[in-house]
Amino acid sequence: MNCRPQCGACCIAPSITSPIPGMPHGKPAGTPCIQLDDEYRCKIFGQPERPEVCAKFAAEAYVCGENREQALMIISDMEDTTTPMLSKEL
């Protein structure tokens, strides 16, 4: 599967904990990456400073769904499901 034009869900929905140029501490889930342009394309695609997690991401139907809205929902759900819960006792 190729990335869908005008999507960028993978650059918005997940948290990224590694440094990104312009975002030295990464980014929280739901926050657009600073490297995402107005057409939802990565400005540092293929460059060595792109985070490894981004470089390893591959568009797949089970992650990207059938449209941008589904992709945002699916990836957000994956983020929520895999984020450790903090104990209320802490």
Protein backbone atom coordinates (compact mmCIF):
# COMPACT_ATOMS: atom_id res chain seq x y z
CA MET A 1 0.00 0.00 0.00
CA ASN A 2 1.25 3.49 -0.80
CA CYS A 3 0.69 6.47 1.45
CA ARG A 4 -2.55 8.25 0.68
CA PRO A 5 -2.19 11.86 -0.53
CA GLN A 6 -3.30 14.54 1.92
CA CYS A 7 -3.33 12.15 4.91
CA GLY A 8 -0.50 12.60 7.42
CA ALA A 9 -2.30 10.54 10.08
CA CYS A 10 0.94 8.75 10.98
CA CYS A 11 2.53 12.18 11.60
CA ILE A 12 -0.30 13.35 13.86
CA ALA A 13 -1.94 10.52 15.80
CA PRO A 14 0.99 8.69 17.43
CA SER A 15 3.39 9.99 20.01
CA ILE A 16 7.04 10.06 18.96
CA THR A 17 9.58 9.92 21.76
CA SER A 18 12.74 10.41 19.72
CA PRO A 19 13.99 13.86 18.70
CA ILE A 20 12.61 15.42 15.54
CA PRO A 21 14.24 18.50 13.99
CA GLY A 22 12.33 21.38 15.58
CA MET A 23 10.87 19.07 18.27
CA PRO A 24 13.88 17.95 20.34
CA HIS A 25 11.74 16.01 22.82
CA GLY A 26 9.56 14.33 20.21
CA LYS A 27 5.82 14.97 20.12
CA PRO A 28 2.74 13.91 22.04
CA ALA A 29 -0.05 11.90 20.45
CA GLY A 30 -2.54 14.01 18.52
CA THR A 31 -0.03 16.80 17.85
CA PRO A 32 1.01 17.31 14.23
CA CYS A 33 4.74 16.92 13.65
CA ILE A 34 6.44 20.24 12.93
CA GLN A 35 7.91 18.60 9.81
CA LEU A 36 4.47 17.99 8.30
CA ASP A 37 3.81 20.45 5.48
CA ASP A 38 0.52 22.01 4.35
CA GLU A 39 -0.13 19.04 2.03
CA TYR A 40 0.45 16.55 4.89
CA ARG A 41 3.82 15.42 3.56
CA CYS A 42 6.99 14.95 5.57
CA LYS A 43 9.52 17.71 4.90
CA ILE A 44 12.41 15.45 6.01
CA PHE A 45 11.31 12.23 4.26
CA GLY A 46 14.37 10.18 3.31
CA GLN A 47 16.76 12.38 5.28
CA PRO A 48 19.01 10.98 8.01
CA GLU A 49 17.56 13.25 10.73
CA ARG A 50 14.11 11.69 10.28
CA PRO A 51 13.31 9.59 13.37
CA GLU A 52 13.87 5.86 12.94
CA VAL A 53 10.28 5.08 13.96
CA CYS A 54 9.06 7.24 11.07
CA ALA A 55 11.48 5.71 8.58
CA LYS A 56 10.33 2.21 9.54
CA PHE A 57 6.61 2.98 9.25
CA ALA A 58 4.94 1.30 6.29
CA ALA A 59 1.43 2.12 5.14
CA GLU A 60 -0.78 -0.92 5.66
CA ALA A 61 -4.53 -1.25 5.20
CA TYR A 62 -5.03 -2.42 8.80
CA VAL A 63 -3.41 0.80 10.04
CA CYS A 64 -4.49 3.27 7.37
CA GLY A 65 -8.07 2.13 6.82
CA GLU A 66 -9.96 3.38 3.82
CA ASN A 67 -9.51 7.13 4.31
CA ARG A 68 -7.71 9.75 6.39
CA GLU A 69 -10.40 9.85 9.09
CA GLN A 70 -10.18 6.09 9.58
CA ALA A 71 -6.39 6.25 9.69
CA LEU A 72 -6.49 8.93 12.40
CA MET A 73 -8.99 6.85 14.39
CA ILE A 74 -7.10 3.57 14.00
CA ILE A 75 -3.69 5.01 14.84
CA SER A 76 -5.12 6.97 17.79
CA ASP A 77 -6.73 3.79 19.10
CA MET A 78 -3.44 1.92 18.72
CA GLU A 79 -1.69 4.71 20.63
CA ASP A 80 -4.27 4.60 23.43
CA THR A 81 -4.19 0.81 23.63
CA THR A 82 -0.41 0.62 23.91
CA THR A 83 0.16 3.57 26.26
CA PRO A 84 0.92 2.33 29.78
CA MET A 85 -1.57 3.47 32.40
CA LEU A 86 -0.16 5.30 35.39
CA SER A 87 -1.24 3.84 38.67
CA LYS A 88 -3.60 6.06 40.66
CA GLU A 89 -1.61 5.04 43.73
CA LEU A 90 1.52 6.87 42.57
